[in-house]
Protein backbone atom coordinates (compact mmCIF):
# COMPACT_ATOMS: atom_id res chain seq x y z
CA MET A 1 -11.95 -28.67 6.16
CA THR A 2 -8.88 -29.07 8.38
CA LYS A 3 -7.49 -31.18 11.22
CA ASN A 4 -5.05 -28.42 12.31
CA GLN A 5 -5.37 -28.52 16.11
CA SER A 6 -3.87 -25.06 16.77
CA LEU A 7 -6.39 -23.57 14.39
CA LEU A 8 -9.43 -25.55 15.57
CA SER A 9 -8.80 -24.86 19.26
CA TRP A 10 -8.41 -21.11 18.61
CA ILE A 11 -11.67 -21.05 16.60
CA ASP A 12 -13.46 -22.88 19.45
CA GLU A 13 -12.10 -20.30 21.91
CA MET A 14 -13.32 -17.42 19.71
CA LYS A 15 -16.73 -19.10 19.21
CA ASP A 16 -17.16 -19.28 22.99
CA LEU A 17 -16.27 -15.57 23.16
CA VAL A 18 -18.41 -14.09 20.37
CA GLN A 19 -21.22 -16.73 20.34
CA PRO A 20 -22.26 -16.92 16.68
CA ASP A 21 -25.54 -18.58 15.65
CA LYS A 22 -23.66 -20.57 13.00
CA VAL A 23 -20.20 -21.01 11.49
CA VAL A 24 -19.44 -21.00 7.75
CA TRP A 25 -16.01 -21.98 6.38
CA ILE A 26 -14.97 -20.12 3.23
CA ASP A 27 -13.83 -22.65 0.62
CA GLY A 28 -13.07 -20.21 -2.25
CA SER A 29 -15.54 -21.88 -4.64
CA LYS A 30 -17.55 -19.91 -7.20
CA GLU A 31 -20.75 -21.54 -5.93
CA GLN A 32 -20.23 -20.38 -2.35
CA THR A 33 -19.16 -16.89 -3.49
CA GLU A 34 -22.39 -16.54 -5.53
CA LEU A 35 -24.49 -17.59 -2.52
CA LEU A 36 -22.75 -15.01 -0.34
CA ARG A 37 -23.27 -12.27 -2.94
CA ALA A 38 -26.97 -13.14 -3.16
CA GLU A 39 -27.32 -13.12 0.62
CA SER A 40 -25.54 -9.74 0.92
CA CYS A 41 -28.01 -8.24 -1.58
CA LYS A 42 -30.95 -9.75 0.32
CA THR A 43 -29.80 -8.14 3.60
CA GLY A 44 -29.09 -4.82 1.86
CA GLU A 45 -25.37 -5.00 2.66
CA MET A 46 -24.59 -4.86 -1.06
CA THR A 47 -26.35 -3.72 -4.22
CA LYS A 48 -25.97 -5.71 -7.42
CA LEU A 49 -24.97 -3.38 -10.26
CA ASN A 50 -25.79 -3.45 -13.99
CA GLN A 51 -24.50 -6.88 -15.02
CA ASP A 52 -24.20 -5.96 -18.70
CA LYS A 53 -22.02 -2.92 -18.03
CA LEU A 54 -20.33 -4.08 -14.80
CA PRO A 55 -20.47 -7.90 -14.63
CA ASP A 56 -20.10 -9.37 -11.11
CA CYS A 57 -19.80 -5.84 -9.65
CA TYR A 58 -21.46 -4.66 -6.44
CA LEU A 59 -21.89 -1.44 -4.44
CA HIS A 60 -21.49 -1.17 -0.67
CA ARG A 61 -21.87 1.72 1.77
CA THR A 62 -20.13 1.83 5.12
CA ALA A 63 -21.52 3.66 8.14
CA ILE A 64 -21.06 7.43 7.86
CA ASN A 65 -18.74 7.40 10.91
CA ASP A 66 -16.57 4.64 9.41
CA VAL A 67 -14.95 5.72 6.15
CA ALA A 68 -11.16 5.53 6.59
CA ARG A 69 -8.29 3.96 8.51
CA VAL A 70 -8.16 5.25 12.09
CA GLU A 71 -4.50 5.69 12.95
CA HIS A 72 -5.24 7.16 16.40
CA ARG A 73 -7.13 3.97 17.30
CA THR A 74 -4.55 1.59 15.83
CA PHE A 75 -2.22 -0.02 18.38
CA ILE A 76 0.91 -2.15 18.51
CA CYS A 77 0.59 -4.37 21.58
CA SER A 78 4.17 -5.53 22.16
CA GLU A 79 5.30 -6.77 25.57
CA LYS A 80 7.50 -3.69 26.08
CA GLU A 81 6.39 -0.18 25.17
CA GLU A 82 9.83 0.69 23.78
CA ASP A 83 9.47 -2.09 21.18
CA ALA A 84 6.53 -0.21 19.60
CA GLY A 85 8.64 2.95 19.38
CA PRO A 86 7.68 6.63 19.24
CA THR A 87 5.79 6.43 15.92
CA ASN A 88 3.18 3.87 17.09
CA ASN A 89 0.40 3.89 19.67
CA TRP A 90 1.14 1.21 22.29
CA MET A 91 -1.05 -0.81 24.61
CA ASN A 92 -0.05 -3.48 27.11
CA PRO A 93 -1.05 -6.88 25.56
CA ALA A 94 -2.85 -8.18 28.66
CA ASP A 95 -4.86 -4.94 28.99
CA ALA A 96 -5.60 -4.92 25.25
CA TYR A 97 -6.85 -8.53 25.18
CA LYS A 98 -9.10 -7.91 28.18
CA MET A 99 -10.55 -4.70 26.69
CA LEU A 100 -11.07 -6.22 23.22
CA TYR A 101 -12.59 -9.45 24.53
CA ASP A 102 -14.99 -7.42 26.72
CA ILE A 103 -16.07 -5.44 23.62
CA ALA A 104 -16.33 -8.55 21.41
CA ARG A 105 -18.08 -10.81 23.94
CA GLY A 106 -21.39 -12.06 22.54
CA SER A 107 -21.18 -9.69 19.55
CA TYR A 108 -21.91 -12.49 17.01
CA LYS A 109 -25.26 -13.42 18.63
CA GLY A 110 -27.81 -13.65 15.82
CA ARG A 111 -24.95 -13.50 13.30
CA THR A 112 -22.80 -15.93 11.31
CA MET A 113 -19.11 -16.46 11.93
CA TYR A 114 -17.25 -16.72 8.63
CA VAL A 115 -13.89 -18.50 8.76
CA ILE A 116 -11.60 -17.20 5.99
CA PRO A 117 -8.36 -19.16 5.42
CA TYR A 118 -6.18 -16.92 3.26
CA SER A 119 -2.67 -16.72 1.86
CA MET A 120 -0.55 -13.61 1.47
CA GLY A 121 1.52 -14.45 -1.61
CA PRO A 122 0.98 -17.33 -4.05
CA VAL A 123 -0.05 -20.48 -2.12
CA GLY A 124 2.93 -22.78 -1.58
CA SER A 125 5.48 -20.09 -2.49
CA PRO A 126 8.56 -19.66 -0.25
CA PHE A 127 7.25 -16.10 0.31
CA ALA A 128 3.71 -17.18 1.32
CA LYS A 129 2.35 -16.62 4.81
CA TYR A 130 -1.06 -17.89 5.90
CA GLY A 131 -3.77 -16.34 8.03
CA ILE A 132 -7.27 -17.05 9.32
CA GLU A 133 -9.72 -14.17 9.60
CA LEU A 134 -12.93 -14.64 11.57
CA THR A 135 -15.59 -12.07 10.67
CA ASP A 136 -19.33 -11.45 10.93
CA SER A 137 -19.35 -9.39 7.71
CA ILE A 138 -20.10 -10.81 4.25
CA TYR A 139 -18.57 -7.60 2.86
CA VAL A 140 -15.26 -8.57 4.48
CA VAL A 141 -15.50 -12.12 3.11
CA LEU A 142 -16.16 -10.95 -0.46
CA ASN A 143 -13.35 -8.38 -0.28
CA MET A 144 -10.88 -10.92 1.13
CA LEU A 145 -11.77 -13.28 -1.74
CA ILE A 146 -10.59 -10.53 -4.11
CA MET A 147 -7.62 -9.18 -2.12
CA THR A 148 -6.06 -12.51 -1.07
CA ARG A 149 -5.85 -16.09 -2.25
CA ALA A 150 -8.53 -17.58 0.01
CA GLY A 151 -10.15 -20.98 0.44
CA LYS A 152 -9.53 -24.67 0.98
CA GLU A 153 -6.16 -24.80 -0.82
CA VAL A 154 -4.76 -22.53 1.92
CA LEU A 155 -5.75 -25.05 4.62
CA ASP A 156 -4.19 -27.84 2.55
CA ALA A 157 -0.93 -25.87 2.28
CA LEU A 158 -1.01 -24.98 6.00
CA GLY A 159 -1.44 -28.62 7.07
CA ASP A 160 -0.89 -28.95 10.80
CA SER A 161 1.60 -26.06 11.04
CA THR A 162 1.27 -23.56 13.88
CA ASP A 163 2.83 -20.79 11.74
CA TRP A 164 -0.23 -18.72 10.85
CA VAL A 165 -1.69 -15.34 11.77
CA LYS A 166 -4.88 -15.11 13.86
CA GLY A 167 -7.37 -12.40 12.90
CA LEU A 168 -10.64 -11.61 14.67
CA HIS A 169 -12.97 -8.95 13.26
CA CYS A 170 -16.22 -8.00 15.02
CA LYS A 171 -18.52 -5.35 13.56
CA CYS A 172 -20.17 -4.93 16.99
CA ASP A 173 -22.11 -1.62 16.86
CA ILE A 174 -19.69 0.34 14.60
CA ASP A 175 -19.16 2.54 17.68
CA GLU A 176 -16.39 5.12 17.08
CA GLU A 177 -15.62 5.37 20.78
CA LYS A 178 -14.99 1.63 21.02
CA ARG A 179 -13.23 1.20 17.65
CA TYR A 180 -9.81 -0.45 17.97
CA ILE A 181 -7.43 -2.11 15.53
CA CYS A 182 -4.83 -3.92 17.62
CA HIS A 183 -1.77 -5.90 16.56
CA PHE A 184 0.09 -8.37 18.78
CA PRO A 185 3.34 -8.93 16.86
CA GLN A 186 4.71 -11.41 19.40
CA ASP A 187 1.50 -13.51 19.16
CA ASN A 188 0.87 -13.23 15.40
CA THR A 189 -2.58 -11.86 16.26
CA ILE A 190 -4.78 -9.02 14.95
CA ILE A 191 -8.10 -7.94 16.49
CA SER A 192 -10.39 -5.31 14.96
CA VAL A 193 -13.64 -4.20 16.60
CA ASN A 194 -16.41 -1.69 15.79
CA SER A 195 -15.43 -0.98 12.17
CA GLY A 196 -16.71 -2.17 8.80
CA TYR A 197 -14.35 -0.09 6.61
CA GLY A 198 -11.87 -2.02 4.43
CA GLY A 199 -8.61 -0.59 5.73
CA ASN A 200 -9.57 -1.52 9.30
CA VAL A 201 -11.19 -4.90 8.64
CA LEU A 202 -9.50 -6.58 5.66
CA LEU A 203 -6.93 -7.94 8.07
CA GLY A 204 -4.68 -9.38 5.36
CA LYS A 205 -3.91 -5.90 4.06
CA LYS A 206 -1.98 -3.30 6.10
CA CYS A 207 -2.57 -5.19 9.39
CA PHE A 208 -0.93 -8.48 8.35
CA ALA A 209 0.99 -7.63 5.16
CA LEU A 210 2.78 -4.66 6.75
CA ARG A 211 2.43 -4.31 10.54
CA ILE A 212 2.69 -8.00 11.48
CA ALA A 213 4.84 -8.92 8.45
CA SER A 214 7.36 -6.12 9.05
CA TYR A 215 8.00 -7.62 12.50
CA LEU A 216 8.16 -11.16 11.04
CA GLY A 217 10.65 -9.88 8.45
CA TYR A 218 12.74 -8.31 11.22
CA THR A 219 12.88 -11.58 13.19
CA GLU A 220 13.21 -13.89 10.16
CA GLY A 221 15.58 -11.84 7.97
CA TRP A 222 13.35 -10.51 5.15
CA MET A 223 11.48 -7.25 4.42
CA ALA A 224 7.80 -6.26 4.25
CA GLU A 225 7.56 -2.86 2.58
CA HIS A 226 4.89 -0.35 1.54
CA MET A 227 6.08 -0.47 -2.08
CA LEU A 228 4.79 -0.92 -5.59
CA ILE A 229 6.66 -3.32 -7.88
CA LEU A 230 6.89 -2.69 -11.63
CA GLY A 231 8.84 -4.15 -14.52
CA VAL A 232 10.21 -2.05 -17.41
CA GLU A 233 10.66 -4.09 -20.59
CA ASN A 234 13.04 -2.64 -23.18
CA PRO A 235 12.74 -3.14 -26.96
CA GLN A 236 15.05 -6.19 -26.72
CA GLY A 237 12.57 -7.88 -24.34
CA ASP A 238 14.77 -7.53 -21.25
CA VAL A 239 12.76 -6.67 -18.08
CA LYS A 240 14.20 -4.81 -15.10
CA TYR A 241 12.18 -4.61 -11.86
CA ILE A 242 11.86 -1.60 -9.57
CA ALA A 243 10.30 -1.36 -6.09
CA ALA A 244 9.14 2.12 -5.07
CA ALA A 245 7.77 3.72 -1.90
CA PHE A 246 5.72 6.93 -1.83
CA PRO A 247 3.56 8.59 0.83
CA SER A 248 -0.13 9.01 -0.07
CA ALA A 249 -1.08 11.49 -2.83
CA CYS A 250 2.24 11.04 -4.64
CA GLY A 251 1.05 8.97 -7.62
CA LYS A 252 1.93 5.47 -6.41
CA THR A 253 -0.84 3.57 -8.23
CA ASN A 254 -0.33 5.69 -11.37
CA LEU A 255 3.36 4.73 -11.42
CA ALA A 256 2.59 1.04 -10.76
CA MET A 257 0.34 0.97 -13.84
CA LEU A 258 2.28 3.49 -15.96
CA ILE A 259 1.53 3.69 -19.68
CA PRO A 260 4.65 4.49 -21.72
CA PRO A 261 4.63 7.72 -23.76
CA GLU A 262 3.95 7.26 -27.48
CA ILE A 263 7.61 7.63 -28.42
CA TYR A 264 8.56 4.76 -26.05
CA LYS A 265 5.61 2.60 -27.14
CA LYS A 266 6.70 2.88 -30.78
CA LYS A 267 10.18 1.68 -29.86
CA GLY A 268 8.68 -1.34 -28.07
CA TYR A 269 8.94 -0.38 -24.40
CA LYS A 270 6.37 -1.95 -22.05
CA VAL A 271 5.65 -1.49 -18.34
CA TRP A 272 4.35 -4.40 -16.26
CA CYS A 273 2.58 -4.08 -12.90
CA VAL A 274 3.57 -6.70 -10.31
CA GLY A 275 1.95 -4.81 -7.42
CA ASP A 276 0.60 -1.38 -6.52
CA ASP A 277 0.97 -1.29 -2.72
CA ILE A 278 3.00 -3.91 -0.86
CA ALA A 279 6.25 -5.77 -1.53
CA TRP A 280 7.68 -8.67 0.43
CA MET A 281 11.39 -9.04 -0.33
CA ARG A 282 13.86 -11.84 0.43
CA ILE A 283 17.45 -12.57 -0.53
CA GLY A 284 17.35 -15.30 -3.19
CA GLU A 285 19.71 -18.21 -3.78
CA ASP A 286 21.65 -15.99 -6.21
CA GLY A 287 22.28 -13.41 -3.47
CA ARG A 288 20.01 -10.78 -5.07
CA LEU A 289 16.89 -9.23 -3.53
CA TRP A 290 13.68 -10.83 -4.87
CA ALA A 291 10.16 -9.44 -4.34
CA VAL A 292 6.55 -10.61 -4.51
CA ASN A 293 3.30 -8.73 -4.18
CA PRO A 294 1.54 -10.64 -1.34
CA GLU A 295 -1.88 -9.35 -2.44
CA ASN A 296 -4.24 -10.65 -5.10
CA GLY A 297 -6.22 -7.47 -5.85
CA PHE A 298 -6.21 -3.67 -5.78
CA PHE A 299 -7.86 -1.65 -3.00
CA GLY A 300 -7.74 1.69 -4.79
CA VAL A 301 -9.04 5.20 -4.15
CA ALA A 302 -11.84 5.86 -6.66
CA PRO A 303 -12.01 9.71 -6.91
CA GLY A 304 -9.65 10.98 -9.59
CA THR A 305 -9.33 7.57 -11.28
CA ASN A 306 -10.29 7.93 -14.94
CA MET A 307 -9.26 6.98 -18.47
CA LYS A 308 -6.72 9.81 -18.56
CA SER A 309 -5.12 9.59 -15.09
CA ASN A 310 -4.96 5.77 -14.88
CA PRO A 311 -6.70 3.79 -17.63
CA ASN A 312 -5.28 0.46 -16.42
CA ALA A 313 -6.74 0.97 -12.93
CA LEU A 314 -10.13 1.97 -14.34
CA ILE A 315 -10.23 -1.02 -16.71
CA SER A 316 -9.35 -3.26 -13.73
CA THR A 317 -12.60 -2.20 -12.01
CA GLN A 318 -14.95 -3.24 -14.80
CA ARG A 319 -15.51 -6.85 -13.71
CA GLY A 320 -15.78 -8.62 -10.34
CA THR A 321 -15.28 -5.39 -8.36
CA ILE A 322 -16.77 -4.12 -5.11
CA PHE A 323 -17.25 -0.33 -5.04
CA THR A 324 -17.44 1.27 -1.58
CA ASN A 325 -18.91 4.71 -0.79
CA VAL A 326 -19.21 5.94 -4.39
CA ALA A 327 -22.30 7.53 -5.99
CA HIS A 328 -24.97 5.24 -7.43
CA ASN A 329 -26.36 6.18 -10.86
CA LEU A 330 -29.98 5.04 -10.67
CA ASP A 331 -30.68 5.58 -14.38
CA ASP A 332 -28.47 2.72 -15.51
CA ASN A 333 -27.54 1.10 -12.14
CA THR A 334 -23.83 1.93 -12.43
CA VAL A 335 -21.42 3.92 -10.25
CA TRP A 336 -19.84 7.37 -10.46
CA TRP A 337 -17.26 9.42 -8.56
CA GLU A 338 -15.68 12.84 -8.79
CA GLY A 339 -13.03 12.84 -11.51
CA LEU A 340 -14.44 9.81 -13.36
CA ASP A 341 -15.77 12.04 -16.15
CA LYS A 342 -17.44 15.42 -16.56
CA ASN A 343 -20.97 13.95 -16.67
CA PRO A 344 -22.32 13.44 -13.14
CA PRO A 345 -25.54 11.41 -13.17
CA LYS A 346 -28.83 13.30 -13.11
CA ASN A 347 -30.69 10.70 -11.05
CA ALA A 348 -28.37 9.46 -8.33
CA VAL A 349 -27.80 8.53 -4.70
CA ASN A 350 -24.67 9.76 -2.91
CA TRP A 351 -22.26 7.68 -0.79
CA LYS A 352 -24.50 8.21 2.27
CA GLY A 353 -27.49 6.72 0.44
CA GLU A 354 -29.28 10.09 0.04
CA PRO A 355 -30.81 11.46 -3.19
CA TRP A 356 -28.02 13.53 -4.75
CA ASP A 357 -27.92 16.55 -7.03
CA SER A 358 -24.44 17.30 -8.40
CA THR A 359 -25.31 21.01 -8.86
CA ASP A 360 -25.59 21.69 -5.10
CA GLY A 361 -21.81 21.50 -4.59
CA SER A 362 -21.86 18.35 -2.43
CA LYS A 363 -19.81 15.25 -3.25
CA GLY A 364 -21.41 12.17 -4.75
CA ALA A 365 -18.58 9.90 -3.64
CA HIS A 366 -16.65 10.08 -0.38
CA PRO A 367 -13.08 11.42 -1.00
CA ASN A 368 -11.75 8.09 0.34
CA SER A 369 -14.25 5.93 -1.58
CA ARG A 370 -12.72 2.71 -2.87
CA PHE A 371 -12.76 -0.06 -5.41
CA THR A 372 -11.67 -3.62 -4.63
CA ALA A 373 -10.69 -5.10 -8.00
CA PRO A 374 -9.10 -8.43 -8.95
CA ALA A 375 -5.48 -7.95 -10.06
CA LYS A 376 -6.04 -10.36 -12.95
CA ASN A 377 -8.26 -7.67 -14.59
CA CYS A 378 -5.29 -5.31 -15.01
CA PRO A 379 -4.26 -5.00 -18.69
CA CYS A 380 -0.59 -4.49 -17.75
CA LEU A 381 -0.37 -7.22 -15.09
CA SER A 382 3.05 -8.86 -15.11
CA SER A 383 3.31 -12.49 -16.25
CA GLU A 384 5.36 -12.95 -13.04
CA PHE A 385 2.42 -11.89 -10.82
CA ASP A 386 1.65 -15.45 -9.67
CA SER A 387 5.26 -16.57 -9.70
CA GLY A 388 6.15 -17.97 -6.29
CA LYS A 389 9.82 -17.13 -6.76
CA GLY A 390 9.20 -13.38 -7.15
CA VAL A 391 11.11 -10.93 -9.33
CA PRO A 392 14.70 -9.66 -8.89
CA ILE A 393 14.85 -6.01 -7.83
CA SER A 394 17.41 -3.80 -9.61
CA ALA A 395 16.44 -0.47 -8.02
CA ILE A 396 14.60 0.80 -4.96
CA VAL A 397 13.01 4.23 -5.41
CA PHE A 398 11.81 6.58 -2.69
CA GLY A 399 9.79 9.72 -3.37
CA GLY A 400 7.75 12.54 -1.97
CA ARG A 401 6.03 15.80 -2.86
CA ARG A 402 8.52 18.67 -2.49
CA ALA A 403 8.08 22.09 -4.16
CA LYS A 404 11.75 23.14 -4.15
CA THR A 405 13.90 20.75 -2.12
CA ALA A 406 14.47 17.40 -3.83
CA PRO A 407 15.54 17.28 -7.49
CA LEU A 408 13.60 15.30 -10.11
CA VAL A 409 15.82 12.29 -9.40
CA TYR A 410 19.02 11.53 -7.52
CA GLN A 411 20.92 8.35 -6.68
CA SER A 412 22.37 7.53 -3.28
CA SER A 413 26.11 6.91 -3.08
CA ASP A 414 25.68 3.38 -1.63
CA TRP A 415 23.18 1.21 0.28
CA ASN A 416 23.69 2.86 3.69
CA ASN A 417 23.30 6.30 2.14
CA GLY A 418 20.16 4.97 0.43
CA VAL A 419 18.74 3.87 3.81
CA PHE A 420 19.40 7.43 5.00
CA VAL A 421 17.55 8.79 1.91
CA GLY A 422 14.58 6.52 2.72
CA SER A 423 14.60 7.49 6.41
CA ILE A 424 14.27 11.22 5.60
CA MET A 425 11.42 10.81 3.07
CA ALA A 426 8.92 13.63 3.34
CA SER A 427 6.03 15.35 1.61
CA GLU A 428 4.65 18.84 1.90
CA THR A 429 0.97 19.27 2.70
CA THR A 430 -1.00 20.47 -0.31
CA ALA A 431 -4.53 21.29 0.80
CA ALA A 432 -5.72 23.78 3.40
CA ALA A 433 -8.10 21.10 4.65
CA ALA A 434 -5.09 19.21 5.96
CA GLY A 435 -3.94 22.25 7.94
CA ALA A 436 -1.26 24.69 6.83
CA VAL A 437 0.02 24.28 3.27
CA GLY A 438 3.69 23.41 2.73
CA VAL A 439 4.25 21.76 6.11
CA VAL A 440 6.89 19.02 5.83
CA ARG A 441 5.61 15.63 6.98
CA ARG A 442 8.26 12.95 7.41
CA ASP A 443 7.19 9.45 6.39
CA PRO A 444 10.27 7.18 6.40
CA MET A 445 10.08 4.58 3.60
CA ALA A 446 6.30 5.49 3.52
CA MET A 447 6.07 3.13 6.53
CA LEU A 448 5.26 5.56 9.34
CA PRO A 449 1.69 4.26 9.94
CA PHE A 450 2.57 0.65 9.04
CA CYS A 451 5.80 -0.35 10.79
CA GLY A 452 4.89 -2.96 13.43
CA TYR A 453 7.87 -2.28 15.69
CA HIS A 454 10.37 0.45 16.66
CA MET A 455 11.40 2.47 13.60
CA GLY A 456 14.98 2.68 14.89
CA ASP A 457 15.14 -1.15 14.84
CA TYR A 458 13.49 -1.10 11.40
CA TRP A 459 16.29 1.12 10.03
CA THR A 460 18.89 -1.14 11.67
CA HIS A 461 17.24 -4.08 9.87
CA TRP A 462 17.57 -2.25 6.54
CA LEU A 463 21.28 -1.63 7.24
CA GLU A 464 21.74 -5.34 8.14
CA MET A 465 20.02 -6.43 4.90
CA GLY A 466 22.51 -4.25 3.01
CA LYS A 467 25.43 -6.07 4.66
CA LYS A 468 23.95 -9.43 3.62
CA LEU A 469 23.34 -8.27 0.04
CA GLY A 470 26.80 -6.76 -0.35
CA ASP A 471 27.58 -5.78 -3.95
CA LYS A 472 24.34 -7.45 -5.13
CA ALA A 473 22.19 -4.86 -3.33
CA PRO A 474 19.75 -2.87 -5.51
CA LYS A 475 20.78 0.72 -6.17
CA ILE A 476 18.68 3.28 -4.26
CA PHE A 477 17.18 6.46 -5.76
CA ASN A 478 14.86 9.31 -4.80
CA VAL A 479 12.39 10.97 -7.18
CA ASN A 480 10.24 14.08 -6.95
CA TRP A 481 7.66 14.65 -9.71
CA PHE A 482 6.34 17.74 -7.92
CA ARG A 483 8.86 20.58 -8.31
CA LEU A 484 7.03 23.90 -8.76
CA ASP A 485 7.96 27.02 -10.72
CA ASP A 486 7.65 30.52 -9.22
CA ASP A 487 3.97 30.65 -10.24
CA GLY A 488 3.19 27.41 -8.42
CA ASN A 489 2.89 25.25 -11.56
CA PHE A 490 4.37 21.75 -11.86
CA ILE A 491 7.45 21.83 -14.10
CA TRP A 492 7.68 18.09 -14.83
CA PRO A 493 4.66 16.63 -16.73
CA GLY A 494 4.55 13.40 -14.67
CA PHE A 495 2.29 10.37 -15.38
CA GLY A 496 3.60 8.31 -18.33
CA GLU A 497 6.52 10.70 -18.84
CA ASN A 498 7.99 9.38 -15.58
CA LEU A 499 9.25 6.45 -17.66
CA ARG A 500 11.98 8.82 -18.90
CA VAL A 501 13.30 9.02 -15.33
CA LEU A 502 12.94 5.25 -14.80
CA GLU A 503 14.98 4.74 -17.97
CA TRP A 504 17.84 6.79 -16.48
CA ILE A 505 17.54 4.81 -13.22
CA ILE A 506 17.83 1.50 -15.07
CA LYS A 507 20.80 2.76 -17.09
CA ARG A 508 22.52 3.70 -13.82
CA CYS A 509 21.86 0.17 -12.51
CA GLU A 510 23.47 -1.21 -15.67
CA ASP A 511 26.41 1.26 -15.48
CA LYS A 512 25.48 2.56 -18.92
CA VAL A 513 25.34 6.27 -18.08
CA GLY A 514 27.34 8.74 -16.00
CA ALA A 515 26.10 11.25 -13.41
CA GLU A 516 27.09 14.45 -11.65
CA GLU A 517 28.00 14.35 -7.99
CA THR A 518 26.22 16.76 -5.63
CA PRO A 519 26.23 16.98 -1.81
CA ILE A 520 23.05 14.83 -1.66
CA GLY A 521 23.94 12.20 -4.27
CA PHE A 522 24.29 11.65 -8.02
CA ILE A 523 22.01 13.55 -10.42
CA PRO A 524 21.60 13.02 -14.18
CA LYS A 525 23.45 15.09 -16.73
CA VAL A 526 20.75 17.08 -18.52
CA GLU A 527 21.49 15.37 -21.85
CA ASP A 528 20.96 11.92 -20.27
CA ILE A 529 17.23 12.46 -19.63
CA ASN A 530 15.44 11.67 -22.87
CA THR A 531 13.28 14.72 -23.72
CA GLU A 532 12.41 13.69 -27.28
CA ASP A 533 8.82 14.79 -28.09
CA LEU A 534 8.57 16.37 -24.63
CA ASP A 535 7.55 19.98 -24.15
CA ILE A 536 10.19 21.00 -21.61
CA SER A 537 13.11 23.38 -22.14
CA VAL A 538 16.71 22.58 -21.22
CA ASP A 539 16.59 25.41 -18.67
CA ALA A 540 13.44 24.02 -17.07
CA LEU A 541 14.99 20.55 -16.84
CA LYS A 542 18.16 22.03 -15.35
CA SER A 543 16.03 23.87 -12.76
CA ILE A 544 14.39 20.64 -11.50
CA LEU A 545 17.72 18.83 -11.32
CA GLU A 546 19.23 21.62 -9.26
CA VAL A 547 20.35 21.02 -5.68
CA ASP A 548 20.17 24.23 -3.63
CA ASN A 549 22.66 24.02 -0.76
CA ASP A 550 20.86 26.64 1.35
CA ILE A 551 17.53 24.79 1.12
CA TRP A 552 19.31 21.54 1.97
CA LYS A 553 21.02 23.08 5.00
CA GLU A 554 17.54 23.89 6.30
CA GLU A 555 16.44 20.36 5.39
CA ALA A 556 19.36 18.92 7.37
CA ASP A 557 18.21 20.85 10.45
CA GLY A 558 14.70 19.40 9.97
CA ILE A 559 16.15 15.88 9.69
CA ALA A 560 18.18 16.36 12.90
CA GLU A 561 15.00 17.47 14.70
CA PHE A 562 13.08 14.44 13.36
CA TYR A 563 15.85 12.02 14.35
CA LYS A 564 15.75 13.27 17.96
CA LYS A 565 12.51 11.41 18.65
CA PHE A 566 14.27 8.06 18.15
CA GLY A 567 16.78 8.70 20.94
CA ASP A 568 19.51 6.09 21.33
CA LYS A 569 17.61 3.70 19.03
CA LEU A 570 18.66 5.84 16.05
CA PRO A 571 21.31 3.76 14.25
CA LYS A 572 24.74 5.38 14.57
CA GLU A 573 25.15 4.96 10.80
CA LEU A 574 22.22 7.30 10.09
CA GLU A 575 23.62 9.91 12.45
CA ASN A 576 26.95 9.60 10.59
CA GLN A 577 25.14 9.96 7.26
CA LEU A 578 23.46 13.17 8.45
CA ASN A 579 26.75 14.61 9.71
CA ALA A 580 28.45 13.72 6.41
CA LEU A 581 25.64 15.44 4.49
CA LYS A 582 26.03 18.58 6.60
CA ALA A 583 29.79 18.56 5.96
CA ARG A 584 29.30 18.21 2.19
CA LEU A 585 26.79 21.07 2.20
């Protein structure tokens, strides 16, 4: 399928290492995909679901010890430890290669090596980057065919270039003690051993699209960010694009696929999803920041997804989807998870493959159970989704879950102040299971687990991008849908109503509305948030726009403490921003 010598010699080297019985190249054809699906059902790796209700959908269960990303076993293997920084686990590259090759050696005996050529971003686009993943898992192949653009056209686009990312995945024995996900940013290489769970083995996703790509962006002058991209179309048909970063459990996918409230729908507003998880951004010929979603599918958390919380996500799962670790309804051969509806199946098997009775208090689906769904299924998918040129970004939005600290929305005073706002992003823990409730967890730009190099250098890169963009830089905002009243209830209704806040953000980008200055940035005047048909009082709205100086003084102390861990790699500009905030408070 290719004459690319750099690629063929690496594959030969890996074949000698892992010793597969045979090698199969993934060409992306429907015929080959069908054969792989049939084989996965024959081996028991997948279960074919009810084809009338869920056409081309399958169920998969991972090992019970292998159900989530393993951050403590994820490493950045840069030449120097300081280049990985204090927020990453580091391993010396030579030591890591030796250890990983010792674990992987001979692990494909009796198995097939699948060669997956894949593209992050539309093939041939100026944004596109190519990778090859070698795997012994049909589950990985079928997921990568959904999540990326994979097949022969990628090899054709790659030609004889040496600019591609190497990825080796070996299931081995799914041994927790020997499970490693290692990234070699200076070698464009990813190696994952002893896992079969998506987040650890779909190497195009967080491994390439964020950890490796963030380093590529740093060295090549672009940005790989953990951000959704959405377009808001006004009644005149004008679309403005927003990129937004949130830590987990802050409604990222819901915002990416937002359904406008009735009052906005009637006026003709529409919201278009370009991406729900990752944005690659470059400065275009016009000097503005342009973004693409490098992925081709959604790898979403199933529990809690339903026709009320996120109808567009649920509709996206109804064709060509792989469900992982959800409950299996044996009566009609469909799937179920907590929060799907209020009718758990009577005759079912849980995510572990055991007979399951919903009345005994146990979960049918694992809390981190997933769906891998083709993006083209999404009813609100943007017409620009496959556009190689990307979409121009008007606003960048950061957010987190704060009970009292951050107001509903505020705007930074300029780009550098916006980088500061992103660097101090935080959420408060919500469930006792995660330890103490209300503990502030910093997650700068929602990139803490995904930045492939030193976070101090990453912030410097953001500041440099701002210099290049100049007055064409997107405006930067922070939102918080999670302000609580004294009884612990959410004050802002959230979900579709968040469009009211996005509308104010867009008006600020267009200089169509004023704002009030506070020590932390610009907040809306109460009358500039559209509350038509919304059950919220003026006093309640005022309360969630309030900036409490005493709380923020405490926050500033927390930021100073957090910044300490970056030592002299902390950009001077961020230190200045913190000092200026303290002075204003």
